[in-house]
N, C-alpha and C. Protein backbone atom coordinates (compact mmCIF):
# COMPACT_ATOMS: atom_id res chain seq x y z
N MET A 1 12.05 202.54 83.79
CA MET A 1 12.43 201.73 84.26
C MET A 1 14.12 202.03 83.77
N PHE A 2 15.20 201.60 84.43
CA PHE A 2 16.44 201.84 83.82
C PHE A 2 17.59 200.39 84.35
N VAL A 3 18.31 199.89 83.34
CA VAL A 3 18.85 198.83 83.34
C VAL A 3 20.83 199.55 83.48
N GLN A 4 21.24 198.59 84.16
CA GLN A 4 22.83 198.84 84.56
C GLN A 4 23.60 197.72 84.39
N VAL A 5 24.20 197.97 82.73
CA VAL A 5 24.74 196.99 82.17
C VAL A 5 25.89 196.88 82.57
N SER A 6 26.76 195.85 82.94
CA SER A 6 28.03 195.89 82.93
C SER A 6 28.70 194.33 82.07
N TRP A 7 29.61 194.76 81.44
CA TRP A 7 30.80 193.94 80.30
C TRP A 7 31.76 193.39 81.02
N ILE A 8 31.83 191.92 81.67
CA ILE A 8 33.00 191.59 82.07
C ILE A 8 33.89 190.58 81.62
N GLN A 9 35.33 190.71 81.25
CA GLN A 9 35.88 189.47 80.75
C GLN A 9 36.54 188.92 82.16
N VAL A 10 36.30 187.63 81.98
CA VAL A 10 36.40 187.06 82.97
C VAL A 10 37.82 185.73 82.91
N HIS A 11 38.52 185.26 83.82
CA HIS A 11 39.58 184.39 83.64
C HIS A 11 38.64 182.83 82.76
N PRO A 12 39.53 182.36 82.08
CA PRO A 12 39.11 181.29 81.45
C PRO A 12 38.86 179.91 82.73
N GLY A 13 37.75 179.28 82.53
CA GLY A 13 37.22 178.27 83.49
C GLY A 13 36.69 178.59 84.62
N LYS A 14 36.11 180.21 84.44
CA LYS A 14 35.81 180.54 85.77
C LYS A 14 34.05 181.29 85.99
N ILE A 15 33.52 180.46 84.63
CA ILE A 15 32.47 180.94 84.55
C ILE A 15 31.11 180.66 85.77
N GLU A 16 31.67 179.20 85.86
CA GLU A 16 30.36 178.19 86.96
C GLU A 16 30.65 178.98 88.29
N GLN A 17 31.93 179.19 88.47
CA GLN A 17 32.26 179.65 89.75
C GLN A 17 31.49 181.23 90.30
N ILE A 18 31.73 181.92 89.20
CA ILE A 18 31.05 183.61 89.09
C ILE A 18 29.39 183.32 88.78
N LYS A 19 28.86 182.43 88.33
CA LYS A 19 27.61 182.25 89.07
C LYS A 19 27.20 181.75 90.32
N THR A 20 27.76 180.72 90.51
CA THR A 20 27.31 180.52 91.84
C THR A 20 27.76 182.08 93.28
N ILE A 21 28.69 182.54 93.04
CA ILE A 21 28.88 183.82 93.74
C ILE A 21 27.90 184.57 93.87
N PHE A 22 27.42 185.07 92.18
CA PHE A 22 26.16 185.61 91.79
C PHE A 22 25.00 185.09 92.85
N GLN A 23 24.65 183.86 92.78
CA GLN A 23 23.51 183.31 93.10
C GLN A 23 23.63 183.87 94.71
N GLU A 24 24.68 183.16 95.17
CA GLU A 24 24.32 182.92 96.46
C GLU A 24 25.26 183.99 97.72
N SER A 25 26.08 185.13 96.95
CA SER A 25 26.22 186.31 97.72
C SER A 25 25.85 187.61 97.11
N VAL A 26 25.64 187.68 96.03
CA VAL A 26 25.29 189.14 95.46
C VAL A 26 23.61 189.27 94.86
N LEU A 27 23.28 188.49 94.58
CA LEU A 27 21.39 188.55 94.45
C LEU A 27 20.48 188.78 95.77
N PRO A 28 21.26 187.96 96.77
CA PRO A 28 20.39 188.05 97.82
C PRO A 28 20.93 189.75 98.68
N ILE A 29 22.07 190.26 98.50
CA ILE A 29 21.89 191.74 98.40
C ILE A 29 21.30 192.84 97.64
N ILE A 30 21.55 192.47 96.85
CA ILE A 30 21.36 193.28 95.56
C ILE A 30 19.84 193.42 95.46
N GLU A 31 18.74 192.27 95.70
CA GLU A 31 17.16 192.13 95.77
C GLU A 31 17.01 193.31 97.11
N LYS A 32 17.61 193.55 98.29
CA LYS A 32 17.28 194.19 99.28
C LYS A 32 17.45 195.73 98.73
N GLN A 33 17.50 196.22 97.54
CA GLN A 33 17.92 197.46 97.26
C GLN A 33 16.60 197.70 96.58
N GLU A 34 16.29 199.33 97.68
CA GLU A 34 15.44 199.98 96.88
C GLU A 34 15.72 200.31 95.44
N GLY A 35 14.40 200.05 94.91
CA GLY A 35 14.04 200.01 93.24
C GLY A 35 14.57 198.78 92.76
N PHE A 36 14.95 197.74 93.25
CA PHE A 36 15.32 196.69 92.79
C PHE A 36 14.29 196.23 91.54
N VAL A 37 14.28 195.60 90.47
CA VAL A 37 13.28 195.03 89.57
C VAL A 37 13.76 193.70 89.29
N LYS A 38 15.10 193.66 88.80
CA LYS A 38 15.34 192.41 88.31
C LYS A 38 16.68 192.37 87.78
N PHE A 39 17.48 190.95 87.84
CA PHE A 39 18.76 190.76 87.48
C PHE A 39 18.98 189.50 86.65
N ASN A 40 19.87 189.69 85.44
CA ASN A 40 19.89 188.59 84.32
C ASN A 40 21.93 188.41 84.16
N LEU A 41 22.42 187.70 84.43
CA LEU A 41 23.35 187.12 83.76
C LEU A 41 23.33 186.58 82.56
N TYR A 42 24.35 186.90 81.53
CA TYR A 42 24.78 186.14 80.59
C TYR A 42 26.12 185.80 80.37
N THR A 43 26.22 184.71 79.73
CA THR A 43 27.52 184.16 79.69
C THR A 43 27.95 183.82 78.43
N ASN A 44 29.26 183.60 78.22
CA ASN A 44 29.71 183.17 76.87
C ASN A 44 31.32 182.69 77.17
N GLU A 45 31.18 181.23 77.18
CA GLU A 45 32.22 180.45 77.54
C GLU A 45 33.25 180.69 76.64
N LYS A 46 32.81 181.18 75.09
CA LYS A 46 33.47 181.34 73.86
C LYS A 46 34.87 182.07 74.24
N ASP A 47 34.46 182.96 74.56
CA ASP A 47 35.67 184.73 74.48
C ASP A 47 35.68 184.75 75.88
N ASN A 48 35.10 183.75 77.08
CA ASN A 48 35.22 184.10 78.46
C ASN A 48 34.97 185.49 78.94
N SER A 49 33.30 185.87 78.51
CA SER A 49 32.64 187.08 79.01
C SER A 49 31.39 186.72 79.68
N ILE A 50 30.72 187.50 80.06
CA ILE A 50 29.63 187.78 80.67
C ILE A 50 29.02 189.17 80.93
N ILE A 51 27.80 189.12 80.92
CA ILE A 51 27.22 190.45 81.01
C ILE A 51 26.14 190.49 81.81
N VAL A 52 26.24 191.17 82.53
CA VAL A 52 25.57 191.46 83.95
C VAL A 52 24.45 192.57 83.83
N ASN A 53 22.85 192.51 83.80
CA ASN A 53 21.90 193.53 83.61
C ASN A 53 21.20 193.20 84.96
N SER A 54 21.05 194.58 85.50
CA SER A 54 20.33 194.90 86.60
C SER A 54 19.26 196.28 86.66
N PHE A 55 18.00 195.80 86.55
CA PHE A 55 16.98 196.79 86.53
C PHE A 55 16.25 197.49 87.68
N TRP A 56 16.35 198.72 87.54
CA TRP A 56 15.76 199.65 88.32
C TRP A 56 14.63 200.36 88.50
N ASP A 57 14.02 200.98 89.07
CA ASP A 57 13.00 201.81 89.09
C ASP A 57 13.12 202.91 88.62
N THR A 58 14.41 203.26 88.88
CA THR A 58 14.59 205.02 88.94
C THR A 58 16.13 204.74 88.59
N GLU A 59 17.17 205.56 87.90
CA GLU A 59 18.72 205.94 87.94
C GLU A 59 19.51 206.01 88.75
N HIS A 60 18.18 206.92 90.02
CA HIS A 60 18.63 207.59 91.01
C HIS A 60 18.89 206.47 91.96
N ASN A 61 17.84 204.99 91.88
CA ASN A 61 18.09 204.01 92.68
C ASN A 61 19.83 203.50 92.43
N ILE A 62 20.12 203.24 91.43
CA ILE A 62 21.56 202.54 90.86
C ILE A 62 22.65 203.33 91.35
N GLU A 63 22.20 204.83 91.22
CA GLU A 63 23.15 205.98 91.65
C GLU A 63 23.68 205.52 92.87
N VAL A 64 22.41 205.15 93.95
CA VAL A 64 22.49 205.14 95.54
C VAL A 64 23.21 203.80 95.94
N VAL A 65 23.18 202.62 94.76
CA VAL A 65 23.92 201.44 94.85
C VAL A 65 24.93 201.78 94.78
N PHE A 66 25.64 202.64 93.87
CA PHE A 66 26.94 202.46 93.56
C PHE A 66 27.55 203.69 94.16
N SER A 67 27.08 204.47 94.61
CA SER A 67 27.69 205.90 95.15
C SER A 67 27.60 205.01 97.18
N SER A 68 27.01 204.08 97.53
CA SER A 68 27.30 203.75 98.65
C SER A 68 27.98 202.78 98.98
N GLY A 69 28.95 202.14 97.99
CA GLY A 69 30.24 201.22 97.78
C GLY A 69 29.18 199.76 97.72
N ILE A 70 27.77 199.73 97.71
CA ILE A 70 27.50 198.35 97.54
C ILE A 70 27.96 197.71 96.23
N TYR A 71 28.50 198.59 95.34
CA TYR A 71 28.32 198.10 94.03
C TYR A 71 29.78 197.12 93.91
N GLN A 72 30.83 198.27 94.26
CA GLN A 72 32.36 197.81 94.60
C GLN A 72 32.03 196.76 95.63
N GLU A 73 32.00 196.81 96.64
CA GLU A 73 31.78 195.69 97.40
C GLU A 73 31.36 194.10 96.41
N GLN A 74 30.59 194.15 95.84
CA GLN A 74 30.19 192.71 95.21
C GLN A 74 31.11 193.03 94.16
N VAL A 75 31.37 193.67 93.59
CA VAL A 75 32.84 193.77 92.73
C VAL A 75 33.98 192.68 93.46
N SER A 76 33.99 193.35 94.35
CA SER A 76 35.50 192.62 95.17
C SER A 76 35.45 190.91 95.49
N LYS A 77 33.71 190.86 95.56
CA LYS A 77 33.92 189.32 95.67
C LYS A 77 34.69 188.57 94.34
N PHE A 78 34.62 189.24 93.05
CA PHE A 78 35.06 188.55 92.05
C PHE A 78 36.83 188.40 92.03
N GLU A 79 37.45 189.83 92.51
CA GLU A 79 39.12 190.13 92.18
C GLU A 79 39.46 189.29 91.41
N ASN A 80 39.99 187.76 91.90
CA ASN A 80 40.61 186.67 91.45
C ASN A 80 40.06 186.09 90.06
N LEU A 81 38.66 186.40 89.75
CA LEU A 81 38.14 185.67 88.70
C LEU A 81 37.96 186.44 87.44
N PHE A 82 37.66 188.03 87.88
CA PHE A 82 37.71 188.97 86.85
C PHE A 82 39.17 188.65 86.00
N ALA A 83 39.32 189.09 84.47
CA ALA A 83 40.42 189.47 84.06
C ALA A 83 40.60 190.69 84.14
N SER A 84 39.46 191.62 83.97
CA SER A 84 39.75 193.00 84.10
C SER A 84 38.54 193.81 84.59
N PRO A 85 38.63 194.95 85.21
CA PRO A 85 37.34 195.51 85.72
C PRO A 85 36.24 195.91 84.82
N PRO A 86 35.00 195.80 85.26
CA PRO A 86 33.67 195.94 84.19
C PRO A 86 33.69 196.83 84.07
N ILE A 87 32.90 197.05 83.03
CA ILE A 87 32.77 198.32 82.19
C ILE A 87 31.31 198.56 81.97
N ARG A 88 30.79 199.13 83.20
CA ARG A 88 29.24 199.84 83.52
C ARG A 88 29.30 200.99 82.86
N ASN A 89 27.86 200.63 82.72
CA ASN A 89 27.00 201.96 81.90
C ASN A 89 25.47 202.06 82.42
N VAL A 90 24.45 202.81 82.32
CA VAL A 90 23.17 202.67 82.45
C VAL A 90 22.60 203.75 81.44
N PHE A 91 21.37 202.55 81.19
CA PHE A 91 20.72 203.09 80.44
C PHE A 91 18.95 203.24 80.38
N LYS A 92 18.23 203.68 79.90
CA LYS A 92 16.63 204.09 80.37
C LYS A 92 16.41 202.94 79.26
N VAL A 93 15.60 202.40 80.33
CA VAL A 93 14.75 201.41 79.16
C VAL A 93 13.82 201.64 78.10
N SER A 94 13.59 202.00 77.16
CA SER A 94 12.97 202.61 76.23
C SER A 94 11.57 201.84 75.69
N ILE A 95 11.71 200.63 75.36
CA ILE A 95 11.00 199.97 74.38
C ILE A 95 10.20 198.84 75.61
């Protein structure tokens, strides 16, 4: 299993709006992608940051979503809410 981790700095006071967009608009699309396992959203209102973890069967599943433009399309839904572009990395789940 692999996890895509995105760390994102957001504008102050926007976390609730971001959570709603993830629930209503992003998750329904991501859940339909081949190899998708689960999704977690972590929020820190003290420093206005979020971490998004999406778990996938294979690294290839993650790269298909990224290279197809689906990832970028989802990120664009937040362009006025994110203070900076997401910092994205992919890890193998080892334990």
